[in-house]
Amino acid sequence: MKGLFWLLVLFGLAVAVALGARVNDGYVLIVLPPYRAEVSLNLFLVALAAFFLVLHVALRTLALTFGLPRRAKEYRQRRQRERAGLVFQDAVRLLFEGRFGQALKKAGEAYVAGTFRGVAALVAARAAQRMREPEKQQEWMRRAVADDPRNEAAALMLEAEMMNELRRFDEALAVLGRFQGKQGRHIAALRLELRARQGTGDWDGVLKLARQLEKRDALPPEVAREIKTLAHLENIRRRRADAGQLQDYLRGIPAVDYGRRLMLAGARALVEADALPVAQKLIESALDGYSEAGWQPELVTLYGGLTGPGLTARIARAEDWLRQYPGEAALLLALGRMCMNQRLWGKAQSYIEASLATEETRDAHLALAELCDKLERGDEANRHFRAAVGLEAR
């Protein structure tokens, strides 16, 4: 539409000029003694326009001619930048392809060509890191920061990652401390810090970071749960020798963190620390109506081996579980052992034999052999000992 408008304007001007020239009777007198010339005004205007057009073309031609060297130089520089840009793209592509040696070479070429020097140095540093060449990585990181101070944060992240890979976790934490002091605690830095704290054995720090990352949806729930479980297990292991510290720690574990392994590890640690009443409460709370960890035969076995007062109450508690979950071989065996300790020989034998009928296990044969030995039934005891040995040899 706009083009049509200007076309109409042009035609209108042409018509106006033609009409004006038809009615124009003026002339121009040019005097250059001893010469004089008289021409029509219309011809003079046309000649003047043609003169300015020729002058413009001539000046433009001269400008283009004398500007050729400059334009040739600019063209060469543009082509050089384009080639350097392609080299830089190749370096990035090769880095993502995992061809780190070639990526390092291409990044070096891009750096020499002056294309994105700081970023090219970072790409070279990353490639050197993947090739496990710390000296080259440090040199490229130094160049990246020297060429552009804005690359300092990226260089610190690379250095922290390299320290983690070299298992120099304390140094990684120091680098991350410098980074977080300037950039804050963003997710990638928290992941690196989590790995470093796992390496240094700072399990309380691991728990804190795992919860932060889980809250930010930066860790899948199953991964976060596994990390927290391992951290709790390590903390329990470190506190096994001190019953007071162990009990305080187990009480402080959030209910959502408890799982099968954590329940079992806590109960075993309490038994080893001779905190039997606390172990009993933990096992009973886990097995009453099932906990989130589910039914755990290992806890039942541990419960059956508890000593000290309250054995009759424990037998009654286990019999309640049996009414809820009949046919549990581990529960039947645990009841048999507790009845043996209470010298309830008949009930002990019936429970152990029921466990064997449900599932033939080495522990059940050994328990029945021990019972028969106590009752001075040597042949039966030997038969069950041999059966236990046979199951162990399978």
Protein backbone atom coordinates (compact mmCIF):
# COMPACT_ATOMS: atom_id res chain seq x y z
CA MET A 1 0.00 0.00 0.00
CA LYS A 2 2.81 2.37 0.88
CA GLY A 3 4.60 1.61 -2.41
CA LEU A 4 1.44 2.33 -4.41
CA PHE A 5 1.09 5.70 -2.67
CA TRP A 6 4.62 6.79 -3.61
CA LEU A 7 4.11 5.56 -7.17
CA LEU A 8 1.07 7.78 -7.50
CA VAL A 9 3.01 10.71 -6.03
CA LEU A 10 5.78 10.15 -8.60
CA PHE A 11 3.34 10.08 -11.49
CA GLY A 12 1.73 13.25 -10.19
CA LEU A 13 5.08 15.03 -10.05
CA ALA A 14 5.89 13.90 -13.60
CA VAL A 15 2.59 15.31 -14.88
CA ALA A 16 3.17 18.56 -13.00
CA VAL A 17 6.68 18.96 -14.46
CA ALA A 18 5.43 18.23 -17.98
CA LEU A 19 2.63 20.79 -17.71
CA GLY A 20 4.94 23.36 -16.17
CA ALA A 21 7.52 22.90 -18.94
CA ARG A 22 4.82 23.39 -21.63
CA VAL A 23 3.70 26.75 -20.35
CA ASN A 24 7.19 27.92 -19.32
CA ASP A 25 8.54 30.47 -21.88
CA GLY A 26 11.49 31.58 -19.78
CA TYR A 27 15.11 31.49 -20.92
CA VAL A 28 18.57 31.73 -19.42
CA LEU A 29 21.23 34.10 -20.77
CA ILE A 30 24.80 33.05 -20.21
CA VAL A 31 27.41 35.76 -20.83
CA LEU A 32 31.12 34.99 -20.92
CA PRO A 33 32.73 37.87 -22.87
CA PRO A 34 33.14 37.89 -25.72
CA TYR A 35 30.59 34.99 -25.82
CA ARG A 36 26.94 34.92 -24.97
CA ALA A 37 24.51 32.07 -25.12
CA GLU A 38 20.79 31.99 -24.70
CA VAL A 39 19.02 28.72 -23.82
CA SER A 40 15.54 27.89 -22.69
CA LEU A 41 14.92 27.56 -18.99
CA ASN A 42 13.66 24.01 -19.44
CA LEU A 43 16.86 22.88 -21.17
CA PHE A 44 18.98 24.63 -18.54
CA LEU A 45 17.17 22.81 -15.73
CA VAL A 46 17.58 19.45 -17.47
CA ALA A 47 21.29 20.09 -18.09
CA LEU A 48 21.80 21.20 -14.49
CA ALA A 49 20.15 18.02 -13.19
CA ALA A 50 22.25 15.88 -15.54
CA PHE A 51 25.42 17.68 -14.37
CA PHE A 52 24.71 16.99 -10.72
CA LEU A 53 23.89 13.36 -11.52
CA VAL A 54 27.18 12.87 -13.38
CA LEU A 55 29.08 14.63 -10.57
CA HIS A 56 27.47 12.36 -7.96
CA VAL A 57 28.33 9.23 -9.96
CA ALA A 58 31.91 10.39 -10.41
CA LEU A 59 32.40 11.20 -6.73
CA ARG A 60 30.80 7.89 -5.73
CA THR A 61 33.07 6.01 -8.09
CA LEU A 62 36.15 7.72 -6.66
CA ALA A 63 35.02 6.97 -3.10
CA LEU A 64 34.48 3.31 -3.92
CA THR A 65 37.83 3.11 -5.67
CA PHE A 66 39.82 4.66 -2.84
CA GLY A 67 37.83 2.65 -0.23
CA LEU A 68 38.67 -0.72 -1.77
CA PRO A 69 41.65 -1.45 0.56
CA ARG A 70 39.61 -0.66 3.66
CA ARG A 71 36.68 -2.79 2.49
CA ALA A 72 39.00 -5.63 1.56
CA LYS A 73 40.51 -5.50 5.05
CA GLU A 74 37.07 -5.47 6.65
CA TYR A 75 36.03 -8.41 4.48
CA ARG A 76 39.08 -10.42 5.51
CA GLN A 77 38.44 -9.63 9.18
CA ARG A 78 34.78 -10.62 8.85
CA ARG A 79 35.72 -13.90 7.18
CA GLN A 80 38.30 -14.52 9.89
CA ARG A 81 35.70 -13.92 12.60
CA GLU A 82 33.27 -16.25 10.85
CA ARG A 83 35.91 -18.99 10.62
CA ALA A 84 36.85 -18.43 14.27
CA GLY A 85 33.17 -18.61 15.23
CA LEU A 86 32.87 -21.95 13.44
CA VAL A 87 35.97 -23.20 15.28
CA PHE A 88 34.43 -22.12 18.59
CA GLN A 89 31.18 -23.90 17.72
CA ASP A 90 33.18 -27.03 16.88
CA ALA A 91 34.91 -26.82 20.27
CA VAL A 92 31.59 -26.65 22.13
CA ARG A 93 30.11 -29.47 20.04
CA LEU A 94 33.15 -31.70 20.57
CA LEU A 95 33.00 -31.03 24.31
CA PHE A 96 29.41 -32.24 24.48
CA GLU A 97 30.29 -35.23 22.30
CA GLY A 98 32.92 -36.24 24.84
CA ARG A 99 35.85 -35.80 22.43
CA PHE A 100 37.78 -33.75 24.94
CA GLY A 101 41.19 -33.76 23.26
CA GLN A 102 39.82 -32.29 20.04
CA ALA A 103 37.62 -29.89 22.01
CA LEU A 104 40.71 -28.61 23.84
CA LYS A 105 42.53 -28.09 20.55
CA LYS A 106 39.62 -26.24 18.90
CA ALA A 107 39.04 -24.07 21.97
CA GLY A 108 42.72 -23.11 21.91
CA GLU A 109 42.41 -22.10 18.24
CA ALA A 110 39.31 -20.02 18.98
CA TYR A 111 41.14 -18.36 21.87
CA VAL A 112 44.12 -17.45 19.65
CA ALA A 113 41.72 -16.12 16.99
CA GLY A 114 40.24 -13.79 19.61
CA THR A 115 36.68 -15.11 19.38
CA PHE A 116 34.94 -15.14 22.77
CA ARG A 117 38.34 -15.49 24.42
CA GLY A 118 37.03 -15.85 27.96
CA VAL A 119 34.37 -18.43 27.06
CA ALA A 120 36.81 -20.29 24.79
CA ALA A 121 39.23 -20.52 27.72
CA LEU A 122 36.44 -21.93 29.90
CA VAL A 123 35.64 -24.57 27.26
CA ALA A 124 39.33 -25.49 27.15
CA ALA A 125 39.42 -25.68 30.95
CA ARG A 126 36.39 -27.99 31.00
CA ALA A 127 37.95 -30.23 28.35
CA ALA A 128 41.23 -30.34 30.30
CA GLN A 129 39.30 -31.24 33.44
CA ARG A 130 37.58 -34.14 31.68
CA MET A 131 40.98 -35.31 30.45
CA ARG A 132 42.27 -35.17 34.05
CA GLU A 133 44.99 -32.65 33.25
CA PRO A 134 44.81 -30.27 36.24
CA GLU A 135 47.80 -28.14 35.17
CA LYS A 136 46.21 -27.27 31.82
CA GLN A 137 42.87 -26.68 33.49
CA GLN A 138 44.36 -24.24 35.99
CA GLU A 139 46.17 -22.36 33.21
CA TRP A 140 43.02 -22.03 31.09
CA MET A 141 40.98 -20.94 34.09
CA ARG A 142 43.58 -18.27 34.86
CA ARG A 143 43.32 -17.01 31.27
CA ALA A 144 39.51 -17.03 31.39
CA VAL A 145 39.44 -14.81 34.48
CA ALA A 146 42.24 -12.57 33.19
CA ASP A 147 40.43 -11.95 29.89
CA ASP A 148 37.03 -11.37 31.49
CA PRO A 149 36.53 -11.06 35.28
CA ARG A 150 32.91 -12.11 34.78
CA ASN A 151 34.19 -15.67 34.25
CA GLU A 152 35.45 -15.94 37.83
CA ALA A 153 32.31 -17.72 39.09
CA ALA A 154 32.46 -20.28 36.27
CA ALA A 155 36.16 -20.86 36.94
CA LEU A 156 35.47 -21.47 40.65
CA MET A 157 32.75 -24.00 39.81
CA LEU A 158 35.16 -25.83 37.49
CA GLU A 159 37.84 -25.84 40.14
CA ALA A 160 35.46 -27.21 42.78
CA GLU A 161 34.37 -29.98 40.42
CA MET A 162 37.99 -30.83 39.67
CA MET A 163 38.82 -31.01 43.40
CA ASN A 164 35.91 -33.39 43.93
CA GLU A 165 37.13 -35.62 41.11
CA LEU A 166 40.64 -35.63 42.61
CA ARG A 167 39.08 -36.50 46.00
CA ARG A 168 40.51 -33.34 47.54
CA PHE A 169 37.23 -32.62 49.26
CA ASP A 170 38.49 -30.08 51.80
CA GLU A 171 39.90 -27.94 49.00
CA ALA A 172 36.62 -28.29 47.10
CA LEU A 173 34.73 -26.97 50.12
CA ALA A 174 37.13 -24.04 50.39
CA VAL A 175 36.61 -23.14 46.71
CA LEU A 176 32.84 -23.46 47.08
CA GLY A 177 33.01 -21.19 50.11
CA ARG A 178 34.64 -18.49 47.97
CA PHE A 179 32.08 -19.04 45.24
CA GLN A 180 29.07 -18.91 47.55
CA GLY A 181 30.41 -15.79 49.22
CA LYS A 182 30.07 -14.00 45.88
CA GLN A 183 27.28 -15.82 44.05
CA GLY A 184 25.09 -17.32 46.78
CA ARG A 185 24.04 -20.95 47.25
CA HIS A 186 22.52 -21.97 43.96
CA ILE A 187 21.59 -25.56 43.13
CA ALA A 188 24.66 -26.61 41.12
CA ALA A 189 26.95 -25.38 43.89
CA LEU A 190 24.87 -27.21 46.50
CA ARG A 191 25.23 -30.47 44.53
CA LEU A 192 29.00 -30.06 44.45
CA GLU A 193 29.02 -29.25 48.15
CA LEU A 194 26.94 -32.36 48.86
CA ARG A 195 29.53 -34.53 47.09
CA ALA A 196 32.38 -32.82 48.96
CA ARG A 197 30.72 -33.27 52.36
CA GLN A 198 30.10 -36.93 51.61
CA GLY A 199 33.80 -37.23 50.86
CA THR A 200 34.85 -35.55 54.11
CA GLY A 201 32.38 -37.59 56.17
CA ASP A 202 30.38 -34.58 57.32
CA TRP A 203 27.14 -36.54 57.53
CA ASP A 204 25.23 -33.86 59.42
CA GLY A 205 26.08 -31.46 56.59
CA VAL A 206 25.02 -34.10 54.05
CA LEU A 207 21.62 -34.40 55.72
CA LYS A 208 21.14 -30.63 55.71
CA LEU A 209 22.10 -30.29 52.03
CA ALA A 210 19.99 -33.28 50.97
CA ARG A 211 16.93 -31.74 52.59
CA GLN A 212 17.61 -28.36 50.93
CA LEU A 213 18.01 -29.96 47.50
CA GLU A 214 14.93 -32.13 47.98
CA LYS A 215 12.91 -29.08 48.98
CA ARG A 216 14.00 -27.32 45.77
CA ASP A 217 13.12 -30.42 43.67
CA ALA A 218 16.80 -30.67 42.74
CA LEU A 219 17.02 -34.33 43.79
CA PRO A 220 14.59 -37.15 42.93
CA PRO A 221 12.79 -38.28 46.11
CA GLU A 222 14.26 -41.79 45.95
CA VAL A 223 17.80 -40.41 45.57
CA ALA A 224 17.33 -37.95 48.42
CA ARG A 225 15.95 -40.74 50.62
CA GLU A 226 18.93 -42.98 49.86
CA ILE A 227 21.41 -40.19 50.62
CA LYS A 228 19.71 -39.40 53.91
CA THR A 229 19.55 -43.09 54.85
CA LEU A 230 23.28 -43.55 54.24
CA ALA A 231 24.04 -40.41 56.26
CA HIS A 232 21.89 -41.64 59.17
CA LEU A 233 23.55 -45.07 59.03
CA GLU A 234 27.00 -43.47 59.24
CA ASN A 235 25.93 -41.27 62.14
CA ILE A 236 24.51 -44.31 63.96
CA ARG A 237 27.75 -46.21 63.37
CA ARG A 238 29.77 -43.36 64.89
CA ARG A 239 27.59 -43.27 68.00
CA ARG A 240 27.46 -47.00 68.68
CA ALA A 241 29.88 -46.77 71.59
CA ASP A 242 27.85 -44.14 73.47
CA ALA A 243 24.34 -45.30 74.38
CA GLY A 244 23.23 -41.82 75.44
CA GLN A 245 24.31 -40.13 72.21
CA LEU A 246 22.85 -42.99 70.20
CA GLN A 247 19.45 -42.72 71.85
CA ASP A 248 19.39 -38.94 71.45
CA TYR A 249 20.25 -39.26 67.78
CA LEU A 250 17.63 -41.93 67.08
CA ARG A 251 14.97 -39.84 68.78
CA GLY A 252 15.92 -36.87 66.59
CA ILE A 253 15.52 -38.72 63.28
CA PRO A 254 12.33 -37.54 61.52
CA ALA A 255 9.71 -40.27 61.14
CA VAL A 256 9.69 -39.76 57.37
CA ASP A 257 13.38 -40.77 57.21
CA TYR A 258 12.89 -44.13 58.88
CA GLY A 259 13.08 -47.12 56.55
CA ARG A 260 13.90 -50.81 56.78
CA ARG A 261 17.66 -50.41 56.96
CA LEU A 262 17.49 -47.51 59.38
CA MET A 263 15.13 -49.31 61.75
CA LEU A 264 17.29 -52.41 61.74
CA ALA A 265 20.56 -50.52 62.14
CA GLY A 266 19.17 -48.47 65.02
CA ALA A 267 17.82 -51.53 66.82
CA ARG A 268 21.08 -53.46 66.39
CA ALA A 269 23.13 -50.50 67.60
CA LEU A 270 20.93 -50.18 70.69
CA VAL A 271 21.30 -53.89 71.44
CA GLU A 272 25.09 -53.67 71.06
CA ALA A 273 25.10 -50.61 73.35
CA ASP A 274 23.12 -52.64 75.90
CA ALA A 275 20.20 -50.21 75.71
CA LEU A 276 17.77 -53.14 75.57
CA PRO A 277 14.59 -51.37 76.81
CA VAL A 278 15.00 -48.67 74.18
CA ALA A 279 15.71 -51.29 71.50
CA GLN A 280 12.57 -53.15 72.56
CA LYS A 281 10.42 -50.03 72.24
CA LEU A 282 11.89 -49.22 68.83
CA ILE A 283 11.22 -52.73 67.52
CA GLU A 284 7.71 -52.84 68.93
CA SER A 285 6.84 -49.44 67.45
CA ALA A 286 8.13 -50.63 64.09
CA LEU A 287 6.20 -53.92 64.08
CA ASP A 288 2.92 -52.89 65.68
CA GLY A 289 0.54 -52.82 62.75
CA TYR A 290 3.52 -52.48 60.41
CA SER A 291 5.44 -49.25 60.10
CA GLU A 292 6.05 -47.46 56.82
CA ALA A 293 9.08 -49.74 56.46
CA GLY A 294 6.77 -52.78 56.36
CA TRP A 295 7.04 -56.09 58.13
CA GLN A 296 10.69 -56.83 58.92
CA PRO A 297 11.68 -60.42 59.75
CA GLU A 298 15.13 -59.19 60.79
CA LEU A 299 13.60 -57.05 63.54
CA VAL A 300 11.51 -59.99 64.70
CA THR A 301 14.64 -62.14 64.93
CA LEU A 302 16.38 -59.41 66.91
CA TYR A 303 13.36 -59.11 69.18
CA GLY A 304 13.45 -62.82 69.87
CA GLY A 305 17.05 -62.55 71.04
CA LEU A 306 16.47 -59.77 73.58
CA THR A 307 17.40 -60.66 77.14
CA GLY A 308 16.60 -59.20 80.51
CA PRO A 309 13.33 -58.70 82.39
CA GLY A 310 9.97 -58.54 80.68
CA LEU A 311 10.34 -61.79 78.71
CA THR A 312 6.76 -62.87 79.46
CA ALA A 313 5.44 -59.54 78.18
CA ARG A 314 7.54 -59.88 75.03
CA ILE A 315 6.15 -63.37 74.41
CA ALA A 316 2.61 -62.03 74.79
CA ARG A 317 3.40 -59.15 72.39
CA ALA A 318 4.81 -61.56 69.82
CA GLU A 319 1.77 -63.83 70.13
CA ASP A 320 -0.43 -60.80 69.39
CA TRP A 321 1.56 -60.22 66.21
CA LEU A 322 1.18 -63.88 65.32
CA ARG A 323 -2.60 -63.62 65.55
CA GLN A 324 -2.48 -60.67 63.15
CA TYR A 325 0.05 -62.20 60.75
CA PRO A 326 -0.08 -66.00 61.03
CA GLY A 327 2.43 -68.10 59.18
CA GLU A 328 5.39 -65.72 59.58
CA ALA A 329 8.36 -68.09 59.85
CA ALA A 330 10.67 -65.56 61.50
CA LEU A 331 8.00 -64.68 64.08
CA LEU A 332 7.36 -68.35 64.89
CA LEU A 333 11.09 -68.94 65.34
CA ALA A 334 11.44 -65.85 67.56
CA LEU A 335 8.56 -67.11 69.74
CA GLY A 336 10.24 -70.50 69.96
CA ARG A 337 13.49 -68.95 71.15
CA MET A 338 11.74 -66.75 73.72
CA CYS A 339 9.80 -69.77 75.05
CA MET A 340 13.09 -71.68 75.31
CA ASN A 341 14.55 -68.85 77.39
CA GLN A 342 11.43 -69.00 79.56
CA ARG A 343 11.83 -72.80 79.79
CA LEU A 344 8.47 -73.39 78.15
CA TRP A 345 9.80 -76.45 76.33
CA GLY A 346 6.56 -77.66 74.79
CA LYS A 347 5.52 -74.28 73.40
CA ALA A 348 9.07 -73.67 72.20
CA GLN A 349 9.11 -76.95 70.26
CA SER A 350 5.72 -76.34 68.68
CA TYR A 351 6.64 -72.83 67.56
CA ILE A 352 10.00 -73.89 66.11
CA GLU A 353 8.49 -76.87 64.31
CA ALA A 354 5.78 -74.61 62.90
CA SER A 355 8.49 -72.26 61.65
CA LEU A 356 10.27 -75.18 59.99
CA ALA A 357 7.02 -76.30 58.39
CA THR A 358 6.49 -72.81 56.99
CA GLU A 359 10.08 -72.30 55.81
CA GLU A 360 13.03 -74.61 56.31
CA THR A 361 15.92 -72.48 57.54
CA ARG A 362 19.29 -73.15 59.09
CA ASP A 363 18.44 -71.04 62.15
CA ALA A 364 15.26 -73.03 62.82
CA HIS A 365 17.17 -76.35 62.65
CA LEU A 366 19.83 -74.98 65.00
CA ALA A 367 17.20 -73.74 67.45
CA LEU A 368 15.46 -77.12 67.43
CA ALA A 369 18.80 -78.90 67.84
CA GLU A 370 19.58 -76.68 70.83
CA LEU A 371 16.17 -77.45 72.34
CA CYS A 372 16.59 -81.19 71.84
CA ASP A 373 20.04 -80.99 73.40
CA LYS A 374 18.61 -79.25 76.46
CA LEU A 375 15.98 -81.98 76.70
CA GLU A 376 18.73 -84.63 76.32
CA ARG A 377 17.35 -85.95 73.04
CA GLY A 378 20.72 -86.44 71.43
CA ASP A 379 19.67 -88.23 68.26
CA GLU A 380 17.15 -85.58 67.34
CA ALA A 381 19.65 -82.85 68.15
CA ASN A 382 22.28 -84.46 65.89
CA ARG A 383 19.73 -84.84 63.09
CA HIS A 384 18.86 -81.15 63.20
CA PHE A 385 22.53 -80.16 63.43
CA ARG A 386 23.22 -82.17 60.27
CA ALA A 387 20.22 -80.57 58.55
CA ALA A 388 21.53 -77.11 59.44
CA VAL A 389 24.97 -77.97 58.08
CA GLY A 390 23.37 -79.29 54.91
CA LEU A 391 21.43 -76.04 54.39
CA GLU A 392 24.57 -74.00 55.01
CA ALA A 393 26.47 -75.98 52.39
CA ARG A 394 23.90 -75.36 49.67
